[in-house]
């Protein structure tokens, strides 16, 4: 019963998050919240959010609790990393192209993808990337608009890094769907405002 009650609480939290995201109109705030909520629901230590633009995955949010890194979104610290090309050897690009969630138990043991990027990151920062969860964000039409990548699930009791469990996967996928809709709505509102400002130039002044 305790596990069942915990899952019920997680579902209730997911509903609250969905309502909160739908009420937010600032795109930077939405992107920031998506990663924070995803890390909360999955127990992830770190998270990255990419948006698919011009055929590449652009870094929009970087968060790492252990290293105290919070970049992009509402943060004053901008992300200067180059966009990721849609090459299937990259796990995030693979998830975007195939519209499929990918779960990796240990990036240092996996032979499926090119993890030279995380290894370079670890060498520079002293971090140790291990478990990974990569979820494509699909809008209501099934179009991938971005990718949510989570790193290092943390056991709530032992504080050790563990693989992402089924519950974490299900909750993150549900959040990714809500996130994609919130992003699309924010973009639509911004485009509408831009169009109205453009039209206002042609209206007669009083």
N, C-alpha and C. Protein backbone atom coordinates (compact mmCIF):
# COMPACT_ATOMS: atom_id res chain seq x y z
N UNK A 1 0.80 -1.22 0.00
CA UNK A 1 0.00 0.00 0.00
C UNK A 1 0.84 1.28 0.00
N UNK A 2 1.98 1.30 0.75
CA UNK A 2 2.78 2.53 0.72
C UNK A 2 3.20 2.92 -0.68
N UNK A 3 3.63 1.94 -1.49
CA UNK A 3 4.05 2.23 -2.86
C UNK A 3 2.89 2.76 -3.69
N UNK A 4 1.70 2.18 -3.46
CA UNK A 4 0.51 2.61 -4.18
C UNK A 4 0.14 4.03 -3.80
N UNK A 5 0.24 4.34 -2.50
CA UNK A 5 -0.06 5.69 -2.04
C UNK A 5 0.94 6.71 -2.60
N UNK A 6 2.21 6.29 -2.68
CA UNK A 6 3.23 7.18 -3.22
C UNK A 6 2.96 7.48 -4.69
N UNK A 7 2.56 6.43 -5.45
CA UNK A 7 2.27 6.64 -6.87
C UNK A 7 1.06 7.56 -7.03
N UNK A 8 0.06 7.41 -6.15
CA UNK A 8 -1.11 8.27 -6.20
C UNK A 8 -0.71 9.73 -5.97
N UNK A 9 0.19 9.94 -5.01
CA UNK A 9 0.67 11.29 -4.74
C UNK A 9 1.42 11.86 -5.93
N UNK A 10 2.19 10.99 -6.60
CA UNK A 10 2.93 11.43 -7.78
C UNK A 10 1.99 11.86 -8.90
N UNK A 11 0.90 11.10 -9.08
CA UNK A 11 -0.09 11.44 -10.10
C UNK A 11 -0.75 12.78 -9.77
N UNK A 12 -1.08 12.95 -8.49
CA UNK A 12 -1.68 14.22 -8.07
C UNK A 12 -0.71 15.37 -8.30
N UNK A 13 0.57 15.12 -8.03
CA UNK A 13 1.59 16.16 -8.26
C UNK A 13 1.71 16.46 -9.75
N UNK A 14 1.63 15.42 -10.57
CA UNK A 14 1.71 15.60 -12.01
C UNK A 14 0.56 16.46 -12.51
N UNK A 15 -0.62 16.24 -11.95
CA UNK A 15 -1.79 17.04 -12.32
C UNK A 15 -1.58 18.51 -11.94
N UNK A 16 -1.05 18.74 -10.75
CA UNK A 16 -0.75 20.11 -10.31
C UNK A 16 0.25 20.78 -11.24
N UNK A 17 1.26 20.02 -11.63
CA UNK A 17 2.29 20.55 -12.52
C UNK A 17 1.68 20.93 -13.87
N UNK A 18 0.81 20.05 -14.39
CA UNK A 18 0.17 20.32 -15.67
C UNK A 18 -0.64 21.61 -15.64
N UNK A 19 -1.35 21.82 -14.55
CA UNK A 19 -2.14 23.04 -14.40
C UNK A 19 -1.22 24.26 -14.33
N UNK A 20 -0.12 24.11 -13.59
CA UNK A 20 0.82 25.22 -13.47
C UNK A 20 1.47 25.59 -14.78
N UNK A 21 1.85 24.57 -15.57
CA UNK A 21 2.48 24.83 -16.86
C UNK A 21 1.52 25.49 -17.83
N UNK A 22 0.27 25.05 -17.81
CA UNK A 22 -0.72 25.61 -18.74
C UNK A 22 -1.04 27.07 -18.42
N UNK A 23 -0.83 27.46 -17.16
CA UNK A 23 -1.12 28.83 -16.75
C UNK A 23 0.06 29.78 -17.02
N UNK A 24 1.24 29.21 -17.26
CA UNK A 24 2.44 30.02 -17.49
C UNK A 24 2.53 30.43 -18.96
N UNK A 25 2.82 31.70 -19.22
CA UNK A 25 2.89 32.21 -20.59
C UNK A 25 4.31 32.57 -21.02
N UNK A 26 5.21 32.70 -20.05
CA UNK A 26 6.60 33.05 -20.37
C UNK A 26 7.35 31.77 -20.76
N UNK A 27 7.86 31.73 -22.01
CA UNK A 27 8.50 30.52 -22.51
C UNK A 27 9.73 30.14 -21.70
N UNK A 28 10.55 31.10 -21.33
CA UNK A 28 11.74 30.80 -20.54
C UNK A 28 11.37 30.17 -19.20
N UNK A 29 10.31 30.70 -18.59
CA UNK A 29 9.85 30.16 -17.31
C UNK A 29 9.33 28.74 -17.48
N UNK A 30 8.62 28.50 -18.58
CA UNK A 30 8.08 27.16 -18.85
C UNK A 30 9.22 26.15 -19.00
N UNK A 31 10.24 26.50 -19.78
CA UNK A 31 11.35 25.59 -20.01
C UNK A 31 12.09 25.29 -18.72
N UNK A 32 12.29 26.31 -17.92
CA UNK A 32 12.97 26.15 -16.63
C UNK A 32 12.18 25.21 -15.72
N UNK A 33 10.87 25.42 -15.66
CA UNK A 33 10.01 24.61 -14.79
C UNK A 33 9.94 23.16 -15.26
N UNK A 34 9.93 22.95 -16.56
CA UNK A 34 9.84 21.60 -17.10
C UNK A 34 10.98 20.73 -16.56
N UNK A 35 12.20 21.25 -16.62
CA UNK A 35 13.36 20.47 -16.16
C UNK A 35 13.32 20.28 -14.65
N UNK A 36 12.94 21.33 -13.94
CA UNK A 36 12.86 21.21 -12.48
C UNK A 36 11.80 20.18 -12.07
N UNK A 37 10.65 20.22 -12.70
CA UNK A 37 9.58 19.27 -12.39
C UNK A 37 9.97 17.85 -12.80
N UNK A 38 10.62 17.72 -13.94
CA UNK A 38 11.05 16.39 -14.41
C UNK A 38 12.05 15.78 -13.42
N UNK A 39 12.96 16.60 -12.94
CA UNK A 39 13.94 16.11 -11.96
C UNK A 39 13.25 15.73 -10.66
N UNK A 40 12.26 16.51 -10.27
CA UNK A 40 11.51 16.21 -9.05
C UNK A 40 10.79 14.86 -9.15
N UNK A 41 10.09 14.66 -10.25
CA UNK A 41 9.29 13.44 -10.42
C UNK A 41 10.14 12.19 -10.60
N UNK A 42 11.29 12.35 -11.21
CA UNK A 42 12.13 11.18 -11.51
C UNK A 42 13.27 10.97 -10.52
N UNK A 43 13.51 11.96 -9.67
CA UNK A 43 14.63 11.87 -8.73
C UNK A 43 15.98 12.11 -9.40
N UNK A 44 15.98 12.78 -10.55
CA UNK A 44 17.22 13.01 -11.30
C UNK A 44 18.06 14.13 -10.70
N UNK A 45 19.36 13.93 -10.70
CA UNK A 45 20.28 14.95 -10.19
C UNK A 45 20.50 16.06 -11.21
N UNK A 46 20.40 15.71 -12.50
CA UNK A 46 20.69 16.70 -13.55
C UNK A 46 19.69 16.55 -14.69
N UNK A 47 19.55 17.63 -15.45
CA UNK A 47 18.62 17.58 -16.58
C UNK A 47 18.99 18.60 -17.65
N UNK A 48 18.72 18.23 -18.88
CA UNK A 48 18.96 19.11 -20.03
C UNK A 48 17.71 19.13 -20.89
N UNK A 49 17.35 20.30 -21.38
CA UNK A 49 16.22 20.41 -22.29
C UNK A 49 16.70 21.00 -23.61
N UNK A 50 16.35 20.31 -24.69
CA UNK A 50 16.67 20.79 -26.04
C UNK A 50 15.37 21.13 -26.76
N UNK A 51 15.42 22.15 -27.61
CA UNK A 51 14.32 22.42 -28.53
C UNK A 51 14.80 22.14 -29.94
N UNK A 52 13.92 21.51 -30.73
CA UNK A 52 14.26 21.17 -32.10
C UNK A 52 13.97 22.37 -33.00
N UNK A 53 15.03 22.98 -33.51
CA UNK A 53 14.92 24.17 -34.35
C UNK A 53 15.89 24.05 -35.52
N UNK A 54 15.40 24.33 -36.71
CA UNK A 54 16.26 24.31 -37.90
C UNK A 54 16.99 22.98 -38.07
N UNK A 55 16.32 21.89 -37.73
CA UNK A 55 16.91 20.58 -37.94
C UNK A 55 18.00 20.19 -36.96
N UNK A 56 18.12 20.92 -35.85
CA UNK A 56 19.11 20.59 -34.82
C UNK A 56 18.49 20.75 -33.44
N UNK A 57 19.10 20.08 -32.46
CA UNK A 57 18.64 20.19 -31.08
C UNK A 57 19.44 21.29 -30.38
N UNK A 58 18.75 22.35 -29.99
CA UNK A 58 19.40 23.49 -29.35
C UNK A 58 19.27 23.40 -27.83
N UNK A 59 20.39 23.56 -27.14
CA UNK A 59 20.38 23.57 -25.67
C UNK A 59 19.60 24.79 -25.17
N UNK A 60 18.62 24.55 -24.31
CA UNK A 60 17.85 25.65 -23.73
C UNK A 60 17.95 25.70 -22.21
N UNK A 61 18.08 24.54 -21.58
CA UNK A 61 18.19 24.48 -20.11
C UNK A 61 19.25 23.46 -19.73
N UNK A 62 20.10 23.85 -18.77
CA UNK A 62 21.07 22.93 -18.17
C UNK A 62 20.95 23.06 -16.65
N UNK A 63 20.68 21.95 -15.98
CA UNK A 63 20.60 21.96 -14.51
C UNK A 63 21.37 20.77 -13.96
N UNK A 64 22.20 21.03 -12.95
CA UNK A 64 22.95 19.96 -12.28
C UNK A 64 23.04 20.31 -10.81
N UNK A 65 22.29 19.58 -10.00
CA UNK A 65 22.21 19.88 -8.57
C UNK A 65 23.56 19.71 -7.88
N UNK A 66 24.24 18.62 -8.16
CA UNK A 66 25.52 18.34 -7.52
C UNK A 66 26.56 19.41 -7.80
N UNK A 67 26.62 19.86 -9.04
CA UNK A 67 27.61 20.87 -9.44
C UNK A 67 27.11 22.30 -9.25
N UNK A 68 25.85 22.46 -8.89
CA UNK A 68 25.30 23.80 -8.70
C UNK A 68 25.21 24.58 -9.99
N UNK A 69 24.96 23.88 -11.10
CA UNK A 69 24.87 24.53 -12.41
C UNK A 69 23.42 24.69 -12.82
N UNK A 70 23.02 25.93 -13.10
CA UNK A 70 21.66 26.23 -13.55
C UNK A 70 21.78 27.30 -14.64
N UNK A 71 21.67 26.85 -15.88
CA UNK A 71 21.87 27.74 -17.02
C UNK A 71 20.66 27.70 -17.95
N UNK A 72 20.44 28.82 -18.63
CA UNK A 72 19.32 28.93 -19.56
C UNK A 72 18.03 29.28 -18.84
N UNK A 73 16.96 29.43 -19.60
CA UNK A 73 15.67 29.76 -19.00
C UNK A 73 15.69 31.12 -18.33
N UNK A 74 15.31 31.16 -17.06
CA UNK A 74 15.26 32.40 -16.31
C UNK A 74 16.62 32.79 -15.71
N UNK A 75 17.59 31.87 -15.81
CA UNK A 75 18.91 32.15 -15.26
C UNK A 75 19.61 33.21 -16.08
N UNK A 76 20.47 33.98 -15.42
CA UNK A 76 21.26 34.99 -16.12
C UNK A 76 22.43 34.35 -16.87
N UNK A 77 22.70 33.08 -16.58
CA UNK A 77 23.81 32.38 -17.22
C UNK A 77 23.32 31.73 -18.51
N UNK A 78 23.85 32.21 -19.62
CA UNK A 78 23.46 31.70 -20.94
C UNK A 78 24.23 30.42 -21.27
N UNK A 79 23.65 29.63 -22.16
CA UNK A 79 24.29 28.39 -22.62
C UNK A 79 25.00 28.66 -23.94
N UNK A 80 26.26 28.31 -24.00
CA UNK A 80 27.05 28.61 -25.20
C UNK A 80 27.39 27.35 -26.00
N UNK A 81 26.84 26.22 -25.63
CA UNK A 81 27.13 24.96 -26.32
C UNK A 81 26.52 24.94 -27.72
N UNK A 82 27.20 24.30 -28.64
CA UNK A 82 26.73 24.19 -30.01
C UNK A 82 25.53 23.25 -30.09
N UNK A 83 24.57 23.53 -30.99
CA UNK A 83 23.41 22.63 -31.17
C UNK A 83 23.86 21.24 -31.58
N UNK A 84 23.01 20.27 -31.28
CA UNK A 84 23.30 18.86 -31.59
C UNK A 84 22.67 18.50 -32.93
N UNK A 85 23.46 18.02 -33.90
CA UNK A 85 22.88 17.60 -35.18
C UNK A 85 22.04 16.34 -35.00
N UNK A 86 21.09 16.13 -35.91
CA UNK A 86 20.22 14.95 -35.81
C UNK A 86 20.93 13.72 -36.37
N UNK A 87 21.87 13.24 -35.59
CA UNK A 87 22.64 12.04 -35.92
C UNK A 87 22.27 10.96 -34.91
N UNK A 88 21.88 9.80 -35.41
CA UNK A 88 21.37 8.73 -34.53
C UNK A 88 22.41 8.18 -33.56
N UNK A 89 23.68 8.52 -33.75
CA UNK A 89 24.68 8.07 -32.79
C UNK A 89 24.58 8.85 -31.49
N UNK A 90 23.92 10.01 -31.55
CA UNK A 90 23.67 10.81 -30.34
C UNK A 90 22.33 10.38 -29.76
N UNK A 91 22.30 10.08 -28.48
CA UNK A 91 21.10 9.51 -27.86
C UNK A 91 19.91 10.46 -27.92
N UNK A 92 20.13 11.75 -27.74
CA UNK A 92 19.02 12.71 -27.78
C UNK A 92 18.48 12.85 -29.20
N UNK A 93 19.38 12.86 -30.19
CA UNK A 93 18.95 12.92 -31.58
C UNK A 93 18.18 11.65 -31.95
N UNK A 94 18.64 10.51 -31.47
CA UNK A 94 17.97 9.23 -31.70
C UNK A 94 16.54 9.28 -31.17
N UNK A 95 16.38 9.78 -29.95
CA UNK A 95 15.05 9.88 -29.33
C UNK A 95 14.14 10.79 -30.14
N UNK A 96 14.70 11.88 -30.65
CA UNK A 96 13.91 12.83 -31.44
C UNK A 96 13.51 12.24 -32.79
N UNK A 97 14.44 11.59 -33.46
CA UNK A 97 14.18 11.05 -34.79
C UNK A 97 13.20 9.89 -34.76
N UNK A 98 13.35 9.01 -33.76
CA UNK A 98 12.49 7.83 -33.69
C UNK A 98 11.28 8.04 -32.78
N UNK A 99 11.20 9.22 -32.15
CA UNK A 99 10.10 9.54 -31.25
C UNK A 99 9.98 8.48 -30.15
N UNK A 100 11.13 8.10 -29.62
CA UNK A 100 11.18 6.98 -28.68
C UNK A 100 11.96 7.33 -27.42
N UNK A 101 11.44 6.92 -26.28
CA UNK A 101 12.14 7.10 -25.01
C UNK A 101 13.32 6.13 -24.93
N UNK A 102 14.45 6.63 -24.43
CA UNK A 102 15.64 5.80 -24.27
C UNK A 102 16.06 5.83 -22.80
N UNK A 103 16.32 4.63 -22.27
CA UNK A 103 16.78 4.52 -20.88
C UNK A 103 18.13 3.80 -20.87
N UNK A 104 19.13 4.44 -20.27
CA UNK A 104 20.48 3.88 -20.20
C UNK A 104 20.85 3.67 -18.73
N UNK A 105 21.29 2.47 -18.39
CA UNK A 105 21.67 2.19 -17.00
C UNK A 105 23.02 2.78 -16.65
N UNK A 106 23.97 2.70 -17.59
CA UNK A 106 25.31 3.21 -17.33
C UNK A 106 25.92 3.68 -18.64
N UNK A 107 26.11 4.98 -18.78
CA UNK A 107 26.62 5.52 -20.05
C UNK A 107 28.04 5.05 -20.33
N UNK A 108 28.79 4.65 -19.31
CA UNK A 108 30.16 4.21 -19.51
C UNK A 108 30.23 2.76 -20.00
N UNK A 109 29.14 2.04 -19.82
CA UNK A 109 29.10 0.64 -20.27
C UNK A 109 28.29 0.46 -21.54
N UNK A 110 27.48 1.44 -21.88
CA UNK A 110 26.62 1.34 -23.05
C UNK A 110 27.42 1.43 -24.35
N UNK A 111 27.08 0.58 -25.30
CA UNK A 111 27.72 0.58 -26.62
C UNK A 111 26.76 1.08 -27.70
N UNK A 112 25.55 1.48 -27.28
CA UNK A 112 24.52 1.84 -28.25
C UNK A 112 24.74 3.21 -28.90
N UNK A 113 25.31 4.14 -28.13
CA UNK A 113 25.44 5.51 -28.60
C UNK A 113 26.83 6.07 -28.33
N UNK A 114 27.09 7.22 -28.92
CA UNK A 114 28.35 7.91 -28.70
C UNK A 114 28.21 8.79 -27.46
N UNK A 115 28.85 8.39 -26.38
CA UNK A 115 28.77 9.16 -25.13
C UNK A 115 30.08 9.89 -24.85
N UNK A 116 30.78 10.27 -25.90
CA UNK A 116 32.03 11.02 -25.71
C UNK A 116 31.75 12.39 -25.09
N UNK A 117 30.57 12.97 -25.39
CA UNK A 117 30.20 14.26 -24.82
C UNK A 117 30.10 14.22 -23.31
N UNK A 118 29.26 13.31 -22.74
CA UNK A 118 29.19 13.21 -21.27
C UNK A 118 30.54 12.88 -20.63
N UNK A 119 31.36 12.08 -21.32
CA UNK A 119 32.66 11.73 -20.76
C UNK A 119 33.59 12.94 -20.71
N UNK A 120 33.54 13.78 -21.74
CA UNK A 120 34.33 15.02 -21.73
C UNK A 120 33.84 15.94 -20.62
N UNK A 121 32.52 16.01 -20.48
CA UNK A 121 31.91 16.84 -19.43
C UNK A 121 32.38 16.37 -18.06
N UNK A 122 32.40 15.06 -17.85
CA UNK A 122 32.85 14.50 -16.58
C UNK A 122 34.32 14.81 -16.32
N UNK A 123 35.13 14.70 -17.38
CA UNK A 123 36.58 14.95 -17.24
C UNK A 123 36.85 16.40 -16.85
N UNK A 124 36.03 17.31 -17.37
CA UNK A 124 36.22 18.74 -17.09
C UNK A 124 35.70 19.12 -15.71
N UNK A 125 34.53 18.57 -15.34
CA UNK A 125 33.85 19.01 -14.11
C UNK A 125 34.08 18.11 -12.90
N UNK A 126 34.53 16.88 -13.13
CA UNK A 126 34.66 15.95 -12.01
C UNK A 126 33.37 15.21 -11.70
N UNK A 127 32.35 15.45 -12.51
CA UNK A 127 31.06 14.76 -12.34
C UNK A 127 31.20 13.32 -12.84
N UNK A 128 30.26 12.45 -12.44
CA UNK A 128 30.25 11.09 -12.97
C UNK A 128 28.86 10.77 -13.50
N UNK A 129 28.72 10.84 -14.81
CA UNK A 129 27.44 10.52 -15.45
C UNK A 129 27.25 9.01 -15.44
N UNK A 130 26.04 8.58 -15.09
CA UNK A 130 25.80 7.14 -15.07
C UNK A 130 24.44 6.82 -15.71
N UNK A 131 23.37 6.86 -14.92
CA UNK A 131 22.06 6.51 -15.49
C UNK A 131 21.48 7.70 -16.25
N UNK A 132 20.74 7.38 -17.33
CA UNK A 132 20.21 8.43 -18.19
C UNK A 132 18.81 8.06 -18.68
N UNK A 133 17.97 9.08 -18.79
CA UNK A 133 16.63 8.91 -19.34
C UNK A 133 16.40 10.02 -20.36
N UNK A 134 16.08 9.65 -21.59
CA UNK A 134 15.90 10.62 -22.66
C UNK A 134 14.50 10.47 -23.24
N UNK A 135 13.71 11.54 -23.18
CA UNK A 135 12.31 11.49 -23.58
C UNK A 135 12.00 12.57 -24.61
N UNK A 136 11.48 12.19 -25.78
CA UNK A 136 11.09 13.20 -26.77
C UNK A 136 9.83 13.92 -26.31
N UNK A 137 9.76 15.21 -26.58
CA UNK A 137 8.57 15.99 -26.25
C UNK A 137 7.75 16.15 -27.52
N UNK A 138 6.56 15.54 -27.53
CA UNK A 138 5.70 15.55 -28.72
C UNK A 138 4.44 16.37 -28.45
N UNK A 139 4.08 17.22 -29.42
CA UNK A 139 2.88 18.04 -29.27
C UNK A 139 1.63 17.21 -29.55
N UNK A 140 0.48 17.86 -29.58
CA UNK A 140 -0.80 17.15 -29.73
C UNK A 140 -0.94 16.47 -31.09
N UNK A 141 -0.09 16.86 -32.04
CA UNK A 141 -0.13 16.23 -33.36
C UNK A 141 0.93 15.14 -33.51
N UNK A 142 1.68 14.89 -32.43
CA UNK A 142 2.71 13.88 -32.46
C UNK A 142 4.03 14.34 -33.02
N UNK A 143 4.17 15.64 -33.25
CA UNK A 143 5.41 16.21 -33.77
C UNK A 143 6.39 16.47 -32.63
N UNK A 144 7.62 16.01 -32.79
CA UNK A 144 8.64 16.24 -31.75
C UNK A 144 9.12 17.69 -31.82
N UNK A 145 9.00 18.39 -30.71
CA UNK A 145 9.45 19.78 -30.67
C UNK A 145 10.71 19.95 -29.81
N UNK A 146 11.07 18.90 -29.11
CA UNK A 146 12.26 18.97 -28.27
C UNK A 146 12.52 17.65 -27.57
N UNK A 147 13.55 17.65 -26.73
CA UNK A 147 13.95 16.44 -26.02
C UNK A 147 14.30 16.80 -24.58
N UNK A 148 13.87 15.96 -23.66
CA UNK A 148 14.17 16.11 -22.25
C UNK A 148 15.15 15.00 -21.86
N UNK A 149 16.31 15.39 -21.39
CA UNK A 149 17.34 14.41 -21.02
C UNK A 149 17.67 14.53 -19.54
N UNK A 150 17.48 13.44 -18.81
CA UNK A 150 17.73 13.43 -17.36
C UNK A 150 18.91 12.53 -17.05
N UNK A 151 19.68 12.93 -16.04
CA UNK A 151 20.89 12.20 -15.71
C UNK A 151 20.95 11.86 -14.22
N UNK A 152 21.38 10.65 -13.92
CA UNK A 152 21.65 10.18 -12.56
C UNK A 152 20.44 10.25 -11.62
N UNK A 153 19.63 9.20 -11.69
CA UNK A 153 18.54 9.05 -10.72
C UNK A 153 19.16 8.77 -9.35
N UNK A 154 18.66 9.46 -8.33
CA UNK A 154 19.22 9.33 -6.97
C UNK A 154 18.24 8.58 -6.06
N UNK A 155 18.72 7.53 -5.42
CA UNK A 155 17.90 6.80 -4.46
C UNK A 155 17.60 7.71 -3.28
N UNK A 156 16.31 7.81 -2.93
CA UNK A 156 15.90 8.74 -1.87
C UNK A 156 16.47 8.37 -0.50
N UNK A 157 16.77 7.10 -0.29
CA UNK A 157 17.26 6.64 1.02
C UNK A 157 18.79 6.60 1.07
N UNK A 158 19.39 5.90 0.11
CA UNK A 158 20.84 5.71 0.14
C UNK A 158 21.62 6.85 -0.49
N UNK A 159 20.92 7.67 -1.32
CA UNK A 159 21.54 8.77 -2.06
C UNK A 159 22.53 8.29 -3.13
N UNK A 160 22.47 7.00 -3.43
CA UNK A 160 23.31 6.45 -4.48
C UNK A 160 22.65 6.64 -5.85
N UNK A 161 23.45 6.65 -6.90
CA UNK A 161 22.92 6.75 -8.25
C UNK A 161 22.37 5.39 -8.67
N UNK A 162 21.14 5.37 -9.15
CA UNK A 162 20.46 4.15 -9.55
C UNK A 162 19.88 4.32 -10.96
N UNK A 163 19.50 3.23 -11.62
CA UNK A 163 18.82 3.35 -12.92
C UNK A 163 17.45 4.00 -12.75
N UNK A 164 16.96 4.64 -13.80
CA UNK A 164 15.62 5.20 -13.78
C UNK A 164 14.60 4.05 -13.86
N UNK A 165 13.68 4.01 -12.89
CA UNK A 165 12.69 2.94 -12.84
C UNK A 165 11.51 3.20 -13.76
N UNK A 166 10.63 2.21 -13.84
CA UNK A 166 9.45 2.31 -14.70
C UNK A 166 8.56 3.48 -14.31
N UNK A 167 8.40 3.69 -13.02
CA UNK A 167 7.54 4.80 -12.56
C UNK A 167 8.10 6.14 -13.00
N UNK A 168 9.42 6.30 -12.88
CA UNK A 168 10.07 7.54 -13.31
C UNK A 168 9.88 7.75 -14.81
N UNK A 169 9.98 6.67 -15.58
CA UNK A 169 9.80 6.76 -17.03
C UNK A 169 8.38 7.21 -17.36
N UNK A 170 7.40 6.55 -16.75
CA UNK A 170 5.99 6.87 -17.03
C UNK A 170 5.65 8.30 -16.66
N UNK A 171 6.11 8.75 -15.50
CA UNK A 171 5.82 10.10 -15.05
C UNK A 171 6.51 11.14 -15.95
N UNK A 172 7.75 10.85 -16.35
CA UNK A 172 8.48 11.79 -17.19
C UNK A 172 7.86 11.88 -18.58
N UNK A 173 7.41 10.76 -19.11
CA UNK A 173 6.74 10.78 -20.41
C UNK A 173 5.45 11.58 -20.35
N UNK A 174 4.70 11.41 -19.26
CA UNK A 174 3.46 12.18 -19.10
C UNK A 174 3.76 13.67 -18.99
N UNK A 175 4.80 14.00 -18.24
CA UNK A 175 5.21 15.40 -18.10
C UNK A 175 5.67 15.96 -19.44
N UNK A 176 6.40 15.16 -20.22
CA UNK A 176 6.90 15.61 -21.52
C UNK A 176 5.75 15.98 -22.45
N UNK A 177 4.65 15.23 -22.37
CA UNK A 177 3.48 15.55 -23.20
C UNK A 177 2.87 16.88 -22.78
N UNK A 178 2.73 17.06 -21.47
CA UNK A 178 2.20 18.33 -20.96
C UNK A 178 3.13 19.49 -21.33
N UNK A 179 4.42 19.23 -21.24
CA UNK A 179 5.42 20.26 -21.53
C UNK A 179 5.34 20.70 -22.98
N UNK A 180 5.21 19.74 -23.89
CA UNK A 180 5.16 20.07 -25.32
C UNK A 180 3.96 20.96 -25.63
N UNK A 181 2.83 20.65 -25.02
CA UNK A 181 1.63 21.45 -25.24
C UNK A 181 1.81 22.86 -24.68
N UNK A 182 2.40 22.95 -23.48
CA UNK A 182 2.63 24.27 -22.87
C UNK A 182 3.58 25.11 -23.72
N UNK A 183 4.62 24.49 -24.26
CA UNK A 183 5.58 25.20 -25.11
C UNK A 183 4.89 25.68 -26.39
N UNK A 184 4.10 24.80 -27.00
CA UNK A 184 3.40 25.16 -28.24
C UNK A 184 2.44 26.32 -28.01
N UNK A 185 1.73 26.28 -26.89
CA UNK A 185 0.78 27.36 -26.58
C UNK A 185 1.50 28.68 -26.36
N UNK A 186 2.62 28.63 -25.63
CA UNK A 186 3.39 29.86 -25.37
C UNK A 186 3.92 30.45 -26.67
N UNK A 187 4.39 29.58 -27.55
CA UNK A 187 4.88 30.04 -28.85
C UNK A 187 3.75 30.68 -29.67
N UNK A 188 2.58 30.05 -29.65
CA UNK A 188 1.45 30.56 -30.40
C UNK A 188 1.04 31.94 -29.90
N UNK A 189 1.01 32.10 -28.58
CA UNK A 189 0.65 33.38 -27.99
C UNK A 189 1.67 34.45 -28.38
N UNK A 190 2.97 34.08 -28.34
CA UNK A 190 4.02 35.02 -28.70
C UNK A 190 3.92 35.41 -30.17
N UNK A 191 3.64 34.45 -31.04
CA UNK A 191 3.49 34.74 -32.47
C UNK A 191 2.29 35.65 -32.71
N UNK A 192 1.20 35.41 -31.97
CA UNK A 192 0.00 36.23 -32.12
C UNK A 192 0.28 37.68 -31.70
N UNK A 193 1.01 37.83 -30.59
CA UNK A 193 1.36 39.18 -30.12
C UNK A 193 2.24 39.90 -31.14
N UNK A 194 3.19 39.15 -31.71
CA UNK A 194 4.08 39.74 -32.70
C UNK A 194 3.30 40.19 -33.94
N UNK A 195 2.35 39.35 -34.36
CA UNK A 195 1.52 39.68 -35.53
C UNK A 195 0.67 40.91 -35.26
N UNK A 196 0.10 40.99 -34.06
CA UNK A 196 -0.74 42.13 -33.71
C UNK A 196 0.07 43.42 -33.65
N UNK A 197 1.31 43.32 -33.15
CA UNK A 197 2.17 44.50 -33.13
C UNK A 197 2.48 44.96 -34.55
N UNK A 198 2.66 43.98 -35.43
CA UNK A 198 2.94 44.32 -36.82
C UNK A 198 1.74 44.99 -37.48
N UNK A 199 0.55 44.47 -37.17
CA UNK A 199 -0.67 45.05 -37.76
C UNK A 199 -0.94 46.45 -37.24
N UNK A 200 -0.56 46.68 -35.98
CA UNK A 200 -0.85 47.98 -35.37
C UNK A 200 -0.18 49.13 -36.10
N UNK A 201 0.88 48.84 -36.82
CA UNK A 201 1.59 49.90 -37.57
C UNK A 201 0.74 50.43 -38.73
N UNK A 202 -0.21 49.61 -39.20
CA UNK A 202 -1.03 50.01 -40.34
C UNK A 202 -2.38 50.61 -39.92
N UNK A 203 -2.65 50.61 -38.61
CA UNK A 203 -3.90 51.17 -38.14
C UNK A 203 -3.78 52.68 -38.04
N UNK A 204 -4.84 53.41 -38.37
CA UNK A 204 -4.78 54.88 -38.28
C UNK A 204 -4.65 55.33 -36.84
N UNK A 205 -3.81 56.32 -36.61
CA UNK A 205 -3.63 56.84 -35.26
C UNK A 205 -4.75 57.80 -34.93
N UNK A 206 -5.12 57.83 -33.66
CA UNK A 206 -6.22 58.72 -33.25
C UNK A 206 -5.70 60.09 -32.87
